[in-house]
């Protein structure tokens, strides 16, 4: 297995590079934007405007990058209260691993990584990989990617990793690429990008999937989530850029300029939008946009 591509770490490093392209004034605006999103308990709100560990994982990473210590004591207490993730679902176990990797304060216990990793196995499916949903027979590319990223964040090896190539190839959508779930009719850009990254990680050929991914670039420079989508979105664009930068550097060089212009067009009031029809920026899309801008530097 390749050990030179750490998925979330690459995103974090890219976000740091993206931040360097901002002026001092823009960084202060971004810092204000992020700090305004922190709740009194030290966490960040999710889409229901309630404390959410998933959103907090991106907010904490941004705070680390911006050297923000607002509510740091509350944030530490909030994260410590999650302990090793008892009663958390898969997505929030993954988020907890991300928090522990990128949270800037040194007052966290590190001896519980293995216990957190054990929780990931609750979502391991009969085919050997993971699904973000519980109780399913087949894994998904999304669950697969998130699990590997979480194991990397925890510095723990995923059990039986060498058996996963066949499983991943079995997750192709009916059009021959990769969709959101097992048996999907058509491919999606994030899933295919994640599959390319996983295939690269597993040292398997992926050129066919790169060709499909390149076709998803929209005239606005970004990448569409699915081929039928009339507009691009931030996260699809960043996942596509990440996959192409790793698996097809020459093709990446051709598309990155226009993709960067699209990402900059998503900037609004200190943060970044998810797509052109979005009305409010959040820390998740802002973190992704920063990573995308860093990838193209």
Protein backbone atom coordinates (compact mmCIF):
# COMPACT_ATOMS: atom_id res chain seq x y z
CA UNK A 1 0.00 0.00 0.00
CA UNK A 2 1.05 3.54 -0.62
CA UNK A 3 1.82 5.48 2.52
CA UNK A 4 2.71 8.79 0.91
CA UNK A 5 -0.84 10.07 0.41
CA UNK A 6 -2.75 10.92 3.55
CA UNK A 7 -6.14 12.11 2.37
CA UNK A 8 -7.16 14.57 5.09
CA UNK A 9 -3.57 15.66 5.70
CA UNK A 10 -3.21 16.54 2.00
CA UNK A 11 -6.40 18.61 2.24
CA UNK A 12 -5.11 20.39 5.33
CA UNK A 13 -1.73 21.13 3.75
CA UNK A 14 -3.47 22.42 0.62
CA UNK A 15 -5.77 24.64 2.70
CA UNK A 16 -2.68 26.12 4.36
CA UNK A 17 -1.23 26.92 0.92
CA UNK A 18 -4.55 28.37 -0.18
CA UNK A 19 -4.61 30.66 2.83
CA UNK A 20 -1.18 32.04 1.89
CA UNK A 21 -2.69 33.49 -1.29
CA UNK A 22 -4.99 35.71 0.80
CA UNK A 23 -4.05 39.24 1.75
CA UNK A 24 -3.80 40.15 5.42
CA UNK A 25 -7.16 41.88 5.17
CA UNK A 26 -8.76 38.79 3.59
CA UNK A 27 -7.31 36.57 6.31
CA UNK A 28 -8.78 38.78 9.00
CA UNK A 29 -12.14 38.68 7.25
CA UNK A 30 -11.92 34.91 7.08
CA UNK A 31 -10.92 34.69 10.75
CA UNK A 32 -13.89 36.87 11.71
CA UNK A 33 -16.17 34.72 9.57
CA UNK A 34 -14.98 31.52 11.24
CA UNK A 35 -15.08 32.89 14.79
CA UNK A 36 -18.61 34.18 14.24
CA UNK A 37 -19.67 30.58 13.52
CA UNK A 38 -18.47 29.23 16.88
CA UNK A 39 -21.19 28.39 19.38
CA UNK A 40 -20.86 29.09 23.09
CA UNK A 41 -20.09 25.43 23.81
CA UNK A 42 -17.01 25.75 21.57
CA UNK A 43 -18.42 23.75 18.66
CA UNK A 44 -19.75 24.74 15.24
CA UNK A 45 -23.36 24.49 14.15
CA UNK A 46 -24.54 22.07 11.49
CA UNK A 47 -27.31 22.60 8.96
CA UNK A 48 -29.99 22.56 11.68
CA UNK A 49 -28.13 25.37 13.48
CA UNK A 50 -27.30 23.00 16.34
CA UNK A 51 -23.92 21.86 17.63
CA UNK A 52 -22.47 19.37 15.13
CA UNK A 53 -19.23 17.41 15.28
CA UNK A 54 -19.06 17.03 11.49
CA UNK A 55 -19.13 20.79 10.90
CA UNK A 56 -16.87 21.32 13.90
CA UNK A 57 -14.16 19.18 12.34
CA UNK A 58 -13.84 21.72 9.52
CA UNK A 59 -14.22 24.68 11.84
CA UNK A 60 -11.47 23.42 14.15
CA UNK A 61 -9.15 22.87 11.18
CA UNK A 62 -9.79 26.44 10.01
CA UNK A 63 -9.13 27.76 13.50
CA UNK A 64 -5.82 25.93 13.56
CA UNK A 65 -4.85 27.39 10.20
CA UNK A 66 -5.90 30.90 11.26
CA UNK A 67 -4.33 30.70 14.74
CA UNK A 68 -7.69 31.43 16.32
CA UNK A 69 -8.15 30.59 19.99
CA UNK A 70 -11.64 31.97 20.53
CA UNK A 71 -13.55 29.75 22.98
CA UNK A 72 -10.56 27.39 23.03
CA UNK A 73 -11.32 26.14 26.56
CA UNK A 74 -14.93 25.44 25.61
CA UNK A 75 -13.83 23.75 22.37
CA UNK A 76 -11.41 21.52 24.25
CA UNK A 77 -14.11 20.53 26.73
CA UNK A 78 -16.55 19.89 23.88
CA UNK A 79 -14.14 17.60 22.07
CA UNK A 80 -13.06 15.81 25.24
CA UNK A 81 -16.73 15.13 26.01
CA UNK A 82 -16.87 12.99 22.85
CA UNK A 83 -14.19 10.72 24.32
CA UNK A 84 -13.77 7.73 21.99
CA UNK A 85 -17.06 8.25 20.17
CA UNK A 86 -19.48 6.10 22.12
CA UNK A 87 -22.96 6.34 20.53
CA UNK A 88 -21.71 8.38 17.57
CA UNK A 89 -22.63 7.31 14.05
CA UNK A 90 -20.02 6.57 11.39
CA UNK A 91 -19.85 10.06 9.90
CA UNK A 92 -19.30 11.59 13.33
CA UNK A 93 -16.68 8.98 14.28
CA UNK A 94 -14.84 10.02 11.10
CA UNK A 95 -15.31 13.66 12.11
CA UNK A 96 -13.93 12.93 15.57
CA UNK A 97 -10.80 11.45 14.00
CA UNK A 98 -10.41 14.61 11.91
CA UNK A 99 -10.79 16.80 14.98
CA UNK A 100 -8.15 14.88 16.87
CA UNK A 101 -5.79 15.17 13.90
CA UNK A 102 -6.10 18.89 13.29
CA UNK A 103 -7.28 20.49 16.51
CA UNK A 104 -4.50 22.87 17.50
CA UNK A 105 -4.58 22.66 21.28
CA UNK A 106 -2.30 20.20 23.04
CA UNK A 107 -4.56 19.37 25.98
CA UNK A 108 -6.23 16.36 24.34
CA UNK A 109 -5.59 12.76 25.30
CA UNK A 110 -4.12 10.72 22.44
CA UNK A 111 -4.34 7.22 23.87
CA UNK A 112 -7.87 6.59 22.66
CA UNK A 113 -7.15 6.47 18.92
CA UNK A 114 -7.45 2.70 18.83
CA UNK A 115 -10.82 2.83 20.57
CA UNK A 116 -12.09 5.35 18.03
CA UNK A 117 -10.79 3.15 15.20
CA UNK A 118 -12.70 0.18 16.62
CA UNK A 119 -15.94 2.11 16.08
CA UNK A 120 -15.21 2.38 12.36
CA UNK A 121 -15.47 -1.39 12.08
CA UNK A 122 -19.13 -1.25 13.11
CA UNK A 123 -19.84 0.00 9.57
CA UNK A 124 -17.74 -2.59 7.79
CA UNK A 125 -19.89 -4.51 5.32
CA UNK A 126 -20.01 -8.08 4.06
CA UNK A 127 -17.91 -7.15 1.02
CA UNK A 128 -15.03 -6.02 3.26
CA UNK A 129 -15.19 -2.22 3.01
CA UNK A 130 -17.34 0.42 4.72
CA UNK A 131 -20.62 2.22 4.20
CA UNK A 132 -21.55 5.48 5.89
CA UNK A 133 -25.00 3.99 6.57
CA UNK A 134 -25.38 1.27 9.20
CA UNK A 135 -26.80 -2.18 8.56
CA UNK A 136 -26.06 -2.40 4.84
CA UNK A 137 -24.67 -5.44 3.01
CA UNK A 138 -22.57 -3.49 0.51
CA UNK A 139 -20.02 -0.77 1.07
CA UNK A 140 -19.94 2.59 -0.72
CA UNK A 141 -17.07 4.56 -2.21
CA UNK A 142 -17.85 7.42 0.16
CA UNK A 143 -17.78 5.19 3.24
CA UNK A 144 -14.65 3.45 1.96
CA UNK A 145 -12.81 6.75 1.43
CA UNK A 146 -13.90 8.21 4.77
CA UNK A 147 -12.83 5.10 6.66
CA UNK A 148 -9.35 5.05 5.15
CA UNK A 149 -8.99 8.80 5.84
CA UNK A 150 -10.08 8.24 9.45
CA UNK A 151 -7.64 5.38 9.99
CA UNK A 152 -4.89 7.61 8.60
CA UNK A 153 -5.89 10.44 10.95
CA UNK A 154 -5.70 8.06 13.89
CA UNK A 155 -2.35 6.57 12.79
CA UNK A 156 -3.96 3.12 12.87
CA UNK A 157 -3.81 0.59 10.03
CA UNK A 158 -7.12 -0.53 8.55
CA UNK A 159 -7.58 -4.29 9.11
CA UNK A 160 -7.32 -6.50 6.00
CA UNK A 161 -6.52 -3.52 3.78
CA UNK A 162 -4.86 -5.67 1.12
CA UNK A 163 -8.19 -7.36 0.31
CA UNK A 164 -9.95 -4.15 -0.67
CA UNK A 165 -9.02 -3.75 -4.35
CA UNK A 166 -11.61 -6.29 -5.52
CA UNK A 167 -14.25 -4.71 -3.31
CA UNK A 168 -13.64 -1.25 -4.73
CA UNK A 169 -13.87 -2.47 -8.32
CA UNK A 170 -17.17 -4.12 -7.42
CA UNK A 171 -18.63 -0.73 -6.50
CA UNK A 172 -18.73 0.58 -10.08
CA UNK A 173 -21.95 2.19 -11.20
CA UNK A 174 -23.83 0.64 -14.12
CA UNK A 175 -22.19 3.09 -16.57
CA UNK A 176 -18.76 1.73 -15.63
CA UNK A 177 -17.54 4.44 -13.27
CA UNK A 178 -18.46 5.12 -9.63
CA UNK A 179 -21.68 6.40 -8.11
CA UNK A 180 -22.82 7.19 -4.62
CA UNK A 181 -23.81 3.63 -3.64
CA UNK A 182 -23.42 0.02 -4.72
CA UNK A 183 -25.50 -0.60 -7.84
CA UNK A 184 -25.87 3.09 -8.75
CA UNK A 185 -27.10 3.67 -12.29
CA UNK A 186 -24.69 6.51 -13.09
CA UNK A 187 -21.48 7.98 -11.78
CA UNK A 188 -20.89 11.05 -9.65
CA UNK A 189 -17.84 13.29 -9.66
CA UNK A 190 -17.05 13.07 -5.91
CA UNK A 191 -17.43 9.27 -5.85
CA UNK A 192 -15.33 8.77 -8.97
CA UNK A 193 -12.68 11.17 -7.66
CA UNK A 194 -12.60 9.30 -4.34
CA UNK A 195 -12.34 5.99 -6.21
CA UNK A 196 -9.39 7.32 -8.22
CA UNK A 197 -7.69 8.37 -4.99
CA UNK A 198 -8.37 4.98 -3.42
CA UNK A 199 -7.14 3.12 -6.51
CA UNK A 200 -4.01 5.24 -6.47
CA UNK A 201 -3.59 4.49 -2.77
CA UNK A 202 -4.06 0.79 -3.50
CA UNK A 203 -1.60 1.06 -6.41
CA UNK A 204 -4.14 0.13 -9.07
CA UNK A 205 -4.62 1.57 -12.61
CA UNK A 206 -7.20 4.36 -12.87
CA UNK A 207 -6.71 6.09 -16.25
CA UNK A 208 -10.19 5.14 -17.53
CA UNK A 209 -11.84 6.90 -14.61
CA UNK A 210 -9.62 9.95 -15.03
CA UNK A 211 -10.94 10.38 -18.59
CA UNK A 212 -14.54 10.40 -17.31
CA UNK A 213 -13.68 12.84 -14.55
CA UNK A 214 -12.15 15.32 -16.97
CA UNK A 215 -15.40 15.43 -18.94
CA UNK A 216 -17.25 16.73 -15.90
CA UNK A 217 -15.60 20.15 -16.00
CA UNK A 218 -18.28 22.76 -16.67
CA UNK A 219 -17.87 25.85 -18.84
CA UNK A 220 -17.67 27.90 -15.61
CA UNK A 221 -14.41 26.11 -14.76
CA UNK A 222 -15.74 24.05 -11.89
CA UNK A 223 -16.81 20.42 -11.88
CA UNK A 224 -20.40 19.16 -11.82
CA UNK A 225 -21.51 16.62 -9.23
CA UNK A 226 -23.14 14.51 -11.96
CA UNK A 227 -23.08 14.75 -15.74
CA UNK A 228 -26.65 16.07 -15.88
CA UNK A 229 -26.06 18.88 -13.40
CA UNK A 230 -26.36 22.36 -15.01
CA UNK A 231 -23.82 23.99 -12.69
CA UNK A 232 -20.65 23.21 -10.75
CA UNK A 233 -20.16 22.99 -7.02
CA UNK A 234 -17.25 23.62 -4.67
CA UNK A 235 -16.81 20.15 -3.21
CA UNK A 236 -17.07 18.28 -6.53
CA UNK A 237 -14.49 20.67 -7.95
CA UNK A 238 -12.06 20.18 -5.09
CA UNK A 239 -12.37 16.39 -5.06
CA UNK A 240 -11.81 16.37 -8.82
CA UNK A 241 -8.74 18.59 -8.48
CA UNK A 242 -7.37 16.40 -5.69
CA UNK A 243 -7.80 13.21 -7.71
CA UNK A 244 -6.32 14.70 -10.87
CA UNK A 245 -3.36 16.23 -9.02
CA UNK A 246 -2.50 12.78 -7.68
CA UNK A 247 -3.34 10.52 -10.62
CA UNK A 248 -2.96 12.72 -13.71
CA UNK A 249 -0.64 15.71 -13.10
CA UNK A 250 -0.45 16.70 -16.79
CA UNK A 251 -4.24 16.83 -17.12
CA UNK A 252 -4.50 18.60 -13.78
CA UNK A 253 -2.25 21.36 -15.12
CA UNK A 254 -4.70 21.94 -17.99
CA UNK A 255 -7.82 22.31 -15.87
CA UNK A 256 -6.60 23.97 -12.67
CA UNK A 257 -6.62 27.57 -13.88
CA UNK A 258 -10.30 27.65 -14.78
CA UNK A 259 -11.16 25.60 -11.71
CA UNK A 260 -9.40 28.16 -9.52
CA UNK A 261 -11.42 31.00 -11.07
CA UNK A 262 -14.61 29.09 -10.30
CA UNK A 263 -13.60 28.58 -6.67
CA UNK A 264 -12.83 32.27 -6.25
CA UNK A 265 -16.26 33.09 -7.67
CA UNK A 266 -17.78 31.22 -4.72
CA UNK A 267 -16.27 33.64 -2.17
CA UNK A 268 -18.86 35.56 -0.19
CA UNK A 269 -18.52 37.69 2.95
CA UNK A 270 -15.36 36.08 4.23
CA UNK A 271 -16.38 32.47 3.52
CA UNK A 272 -17.25 30.38 0.46
CA UNK A 273 -20.49 29.08 -0.99
CA UNK A 274 -21.18 25.51 -2.04
CA UNK A 275 -22.54 26.44 -5.48
CA UNK A 276 -24.02 29.34 -7.45
CA UNK A 277 -27.52 28.83 -6.03
CA UNK A 278 -26.32 28.72 -2.46
CA UNK A 279 -27.18 31.72 -0.31
CA UNK A 280 -24.99 31.26 2.76
CA UNK A 281 -21.36 30.27 3.20
CA UNK A 282 -20.29 27.81 5.88
CA UNK A 283 -17.04 26.49 7.35
CA UNK A 284 -17.24 23.18 5.45
CA UNK A 285 -17.34 24.74 1.98
CA UNK A 286 -14.84 27.38 3.07
CA UNK A 287 -12.37 24.71 4.13
CA UNK A 288 -12.85 22.83 0.86
CA UNK A 289 -12.42 26.01 -1.20
CA UNK A 290 -9.19 26.87 0.60
CA UNK A 291 -7.91 23.36 -0.08
CA UNK A 292 -8.83 23.67 -3.74
CA UNK A 293 -7.04 27.01 -4.05
CA UNK A 294 -4.01 25.46 -2.39
CA UNK A 295 -4.01 22.49 -4.76
CA UNK A 296 -3.70 24.77 -7.79
CA UNK A 297 -0.84 26.86 -6.37
